[in-house]
Amino acid sequence: MTTALLLVSLVERLSQVNVIIGIILCALGIAIACLARRIACAARKSGKVPNDDTIMITTKVIGLIFIVIALVVMIIQ
């Protein structure tokens, strides 16, 4: 790690715009990934969705992509 990252205090780091955007994207990605089964149930209009449903898998992948983008955005200064 570079010394520049170590010298920045936690409050200064958390108040940067890219970190705030990253936290919001990460929270959105976690919410999408956790609610994937309910989203698939609403889309299929059924009470039960199998584990290999394409809508549920796609929704989880989209949530994970949001998390990865959030990590990249938080790293960029």
N, C-alpha and C. Protein backbone atom coordinates (compact mmCIF):
# COMPACT_ATOMS: atom_id res chain seq x y z
N MET A 1 0.84 -1.18 0.00
CA MET A 1 0.00 0.00 0.00
C MET A 1 0.88 1.24 0.00
N THR A 2 0.39 2.23 -0.62
CA THR A 2 1.15 3.48 -0.65
C THR A 2 0.94 4.25 0.64
N THR A 3 1.88 5.10 0.92
CA THR A 3 1.78 5.87 2.16
C THR A 3 0.70 6.94 2.08
N ALA A 4 0.31 7.32 0.85
CA ALA A 4 -0.74 8.33 0.71
C ALA A 4 -2.07 7.81 1.24
N LEU A 5 -2.37 6.52 1.00
CA LEU A 5 -3.61 5.96 1.52
C LEU A 5 -3.57 5.84 3.04
N LEU A 6 -2.40 5.60 3.59
CA LEU A 6 -2.30 5.45 5.04
C LEU A 6 -2.40 6.79 5.75
N LEU A 7 -2.01 7.88 5.10
CA LEU A 7 -2.02 9.19 5.73
C LEU A 7 -3.41 9.85 5.74
N VAL A 8 -4.27 9.43 4.87
CA VAL A 8 -5.61 10.01 4.81
C VAL A 8 -6.43 9.43 5.95
N SER A 9 -7.04 10.29 6.71
CA SER A 9 -7.83 9.80 7.83
C SER A 9 -9.14 9.18 7.33
N LEU A 10 -9.75 8.43 8.20
CA LEU A 10 -10.96 7.72 7.84
C LEU A 10 -12.10 8.67 7.49
N VAL A 11 -12.21 9.74 8.22
CA VAL A 11 -13.30 10.71 7.96
C VAL A 11 -13.11 11.39 6.61
N GLU A 12 -11.87 11.74 6.30
CA GLU A 12 -11.61 12.37 5.00
C GLU A 12 -11.89 11.39 3.86
N ARG A 13 -11.52 10.15 4.06
CA ARG A 13 -11.74 9.14 3.01
C ARG A 13 -13.23 8.88 2.81
N LEU A 14 -13.99 8.79 3.89
CA LEU A 14 -15.41 8.51 3.77
C LEU A 14 -16.20 9.70 3.24
N SER A 15 -15.64 10.89 3.32
CA SER A 15 -16.36 12.06 2.82
C SER A 15 -16.08 12.34 1.35
N GLN A 16 -15.26 11.55 0.72
CA GLN A 16 -15.01 11.73 -0.71
C GLN A 16 -16.21 11.25 -1.51
N VAL A 17 -16.44 11.91 -2.63
CA VAL A 17 -17.64 11.64 -3.43
C VAL A 17 -17.61 10.22 -3.99
N ASN A 18 -16.45 9.77 -4.48
CA ASN A 18 -16.41 8.44 -5.07
C ASN A 18 -16.64 7.34 -4.04
N VAL A 19 -16.26 7.56 -2.80
CA VAL A 19 -16.50 6.56 -1.76
C VAL A 19 -17.99 6.52 -1.40
N ILE A 20 -18.62 7.67 -1.34
CA ILE A 20 -20.06 7.71 -1.05
C ILE A 20 -20.85 7.03 -2.17
N ILE A 21 -20.48 7.30 -3.42
CA ILE A 21 -21.13 6.64 -4.55
C ILE A 21 -20.90 5.14 -4.50
N GLY A 22 -19.68 4.73 -4.15
CA GLY A 22 -19.37 3.31 -4.03
C GLY A 22 -20.18 2.62 -2.95
N ILE A 23 -20.36 3.27 -1.83
CA ILE A 23 -21.15 2.69 -0.74
C ILE A 23 -22.61 2.54 -1.16
N ILE A 24 -23.13 3.53 -1.86
CA ILE A 24 -24.51 3.47 -2.32
C ILE A 24 -24.68 2.34 -3.35
N LEU A 25 -23.74 2.23 -4.29
CA LEU A 25 -23.80 1.16 -5.28
C LEU A 25 -23.68 -0.21 -4.63
N CYS A 26 -22.83 -0.32 -3.64
CA CYS A 26 -22.65 -1.59 -2.94
C CYS A 26 -23.93 -1.99 -2.20
N ALA A 27 -24.54 -1.05 -1.53
CA ALA A 27 -25.80 -1.33 -0.83
C ALA A 27 -26.89 -1.74 -1.81
N LEU A 28 -26.94 -1.07 -2.94
CA LEU A 28 -27.92 -1.41 -3.97
C LEU A 28 -27.66 -2.81 -4.53
N GLY A 29 -26.40 -3.14 -4.76
CA GLY A 29 -26.05 -4.46 -5.27
C GLY A 29 -26.39 -5.56 -4.29
N ILE A 30 -26.12 -5.34 -3.02
CA ILE A 30 -26.44 -6.34 -2.00
C ILE A 30 -27.95 -6.53 -1.90
N ALA A 31 -28.70 -5.43 -1.97
CA ALA A 31 -30.16 -5.52 -1.91
C ALA A 31 -30.71 -6.29 -3.11
N ILE A 32 -30.18 -6.01 -4.30
CA ILE A 32 -30.65 -6.71 -5.50
C ILE A 32 -30.32 -8.20 -5.42
N ALA A 33 -29.11 -8.52 -4.97
CA ALA A 33 -28.71 -9.92 -4.88
C ALA A 33 -29.53 -10.68 -3.82
N CYS A 34 -29.84 -10.01 -2.72
CA CYS A 34 -30.61 -10.67 -1.67
C CYS A 34 -32.08 -10.84 -2.04
N LEU A 35 -32.60 -9.91 -2.80
CA LEU A 35 -34.01 -9.96 -3.18
C LEU A 35 -34.24 -10.62 -4.54
N ALA A 36 -33.25 -11.34 -5.05
CA ALA A 36 -33.36 -11.94 -6.39
C ALA A 36 -34.51 -12.93 -6.47
N ARG A 37 -34.72 -13.73 -5.44
CA ARG A 37 -35.81 -14.72 -5.47
C ARG A 37 -37.18 -14.03 -5.49
N ARG A 38 -37.33 -12.98 -4.71
CA ARG A 38 -38.61 -12.26 -4.71
C ARG A 38 -38.86 -11.55 -6.04
N ILE A 39 -37.79 -11.01 -6.63
CA ILE A 39 -37.93 -10.37 -7.93
C ILE A 39 -38.33 -11.39 -8.98
N ALA A 40 -37.72 -12.59 -8.92
CA ALA A 40 -38.07 -13.65 -9.87
C ALA A 40 -39.50 -14.13 -9.65
N CYS A 41 -39.94 -14.23 -8.40
CA CYS A 41 -41.32 -14.63 -8.12
C CYS A 41 -42.31 -13.61 -8.66
N ALA A 42 -41.98 -12.33 -8.52
CA ALA A 42 -42.87 -11.28 -9.03
C ALA A 42 -42.89 -11.29 -10.56
N ALA A 43 -41.75 -11.56 -11.18
CA ALA A 43 -41.70 -11.58 -12.64
C ALA A 43 -42.42 -12.80 -13.20
N ARG A 44 -42.29 -13.93 -12.54
CA ARG A 44 -42.94 -15.17 -13.00
C ARG A 44 -44.39 -15.26 -12.55
N LYS A 45 -44.78 -14.43 -11.60
CA LYS A 45 -46.14 -14.42 -11.03
C LYS A 45 -46.50 -15.79 -10.46
N SER A 46 -45.55 -16.35 -9.74
CA SER A 46 -45.78 -17.63 -9.07
C SER A 46 -45.20 -17.55 -7.67
N GLY A 47 -45.63 -18.46 -6.82
CA GLY A 47 -45.18 -18.44 -5.44
C GLY A 47 -43.83 -19.08 -5.23
N LYS A 48 -43.44 -19.98 -6.12
CA LYS A 48 -42.19 -20.69 -5.93
C LYS A 48 -41.40 -20.68 -7.22
N VAL A 49 -40.11 -20.40 -7.10
CA VAL A 49 -39.22 -20.34 -8.26
C VAL A 49 -38.08 -21.32 -8.01
N PRO A 50 -37.75 -22.16 -8.99
CA PRO A 50 -36.63 -23.09 -8.79
C PRO A 50 -35.29 -22.35 -8.70
N ASN A 51 -34.30 -23.05 -8.15
CA ASN A 51 -32.99 -22.43 -7.96
C ASN A 51 -32.27 -22.12 -9.27
N ASP A 52 -32.61 -22.82 -10.33
CA ASP A 52 -31.94 -22.60 -11.61
C ASP A 52 -32.74 -21.70 -12.56
N ASP A 53 -33.59 -20.88 -12.01
CA ASP A 53 -34.39 -19.96 -12.82
C ASP A 53 -33.49 -18.89 -13.43
N THR A 54 -33.68 -18.61 -14.70
CA THR A 54 -32.80 -17.66 -15.39
C THR A 54 -32.98 -16.23 -14.89
N ILE A 55 -34.18 -15.86 -14.52
CA ILE A 55 -34.41 -14.50 -14.02
C ILE A 55 -33.70 -14.30 -12.67
N MET A 56 -33.77 -15.32 -11.82
CA MET A 56 -33.13 -15.20 -10.51
C MET A 56 -31.61 -15.16 -10.66
N ILE A 57 -31.06 -15.99 -11.52
CA ILE A 57 -29.61 -16.00 -11.72
C ILE A 57 -29.15 -14.68 -12.32
N THR A 58 -29.89 -14.17 -13.30
CA THR A 58 -29.53 -12.90 -13.93
C THR A 58 -29.59 -11.76 -12.93
N THR A 59 -30.59 -11.76 -12.07
CA THR A 59 -30.72 -10.72 -11.06
C THR A 59 -29.57 -10.78 -10.06
N LYS A 60 -29.16 -11.98 -9.67
CA LYS A 60 -28.03 -12.10 -8.76
C LYS A 60 -26.73 -11.63 -9.41
N VAL A 61 -26.56 -11.95 -10.69
CA VAL A 61 -25.36 -11.51 -11.41
C VAL A 61 -25.34 -9.99 -11.51
N ILE A 62 -26.48 -9.39 -11.77
CA ILE A 62 -26.56 -7.92 -11.84
C ILE A 62 -26.19 -7.31 -10.49
N GLY A 63 -26.67 -7.89 -9.40
CA GLY A 63 -26.33 -7.41 -8.07
C GLY A 63 -24.84 -7.53 -7.80
N LEU A 64 -24.23 -8.63 -8.20
CA LEU A 64 -22.79 -8.80 -8.01
C LEU A 64 -21.98 -7.85 -8.88
N ILE A 65 -22.47 -7.55 -10.07
CA ILE A 65 -21.80 -6.56 -10.93
C ILE A 65 -21.84 -5.19 -10.27
N PHE A 66 -22.95 -4.84 -9.64
CA PHE A 66 -23.04 -3.57 -8.92
C PHE A 66 -22.00 -3.52 -7.80
N ILE A 67 -21.80 -4.63 -7.10
CA ILE A 67 -20.83 -4.67 -6.01
C ILE A 67 -19.41 -4.50 -6.54
N VAL A 68 -19.09 -5.15 -7.64
CA VAL A 68 -17.75 -5.03 -8.22
C VAL A 68 -17.51 -3.60 -8.71
N ILE A 69 -18.51 -3.01 -9.36
CA ILE A 69 -18.38 -1.62 -9.81
C ILE A 69 -18.18 -0.69 -8.61
N ALA A 70 -18.89 -0.97 -7.51
CA ALA A 70 -18.74 -0.15 -6.31
C ALA A 70 -17.32 -0.24 -5.76
N LEU A 71 -16.75 -1.42 -5.76
CA LEU A 71 -15.38 -1.57 -5.28
C LEU A 71 -14.39 -0.81 -6.17
N VAL A 72 -14.59 -0.87 -7.46
CA VAL A 72 -13.70 -0.15 -8.38
C VAL A 72 -13.84 1.36 -8.19
N VAL A 73 -15.07 1.83 -8.03
CA VAL A 73 -15.30 3.27 -7.86
C VAL A 73 -14.67 3.74 -6.54
N MET A 74 -14.74 2.93 -5.50
CA MET A 74 -14.16 3.35 -4.21
C MET A 74 -12.65 3.37 -4.25
N ILE A 75 -12.04 2.52 -5.06
CA ILE A 75 -10.59 2.48 -5.13
C ILE A 75 -10.03 3.68 -5.89
N ILE A 76 -10.73 4.12 -6.93
CA ILE A 76 -10.27 5.24 -7.75
C ILE A 76 -10.30 6.52 -6.91
N GLN A 77 -9.21 7.27 -6.97
CA GLN A 77 -9.17 8.53 -6.21
C GLN A 77 -9.28 9.70 -7.11
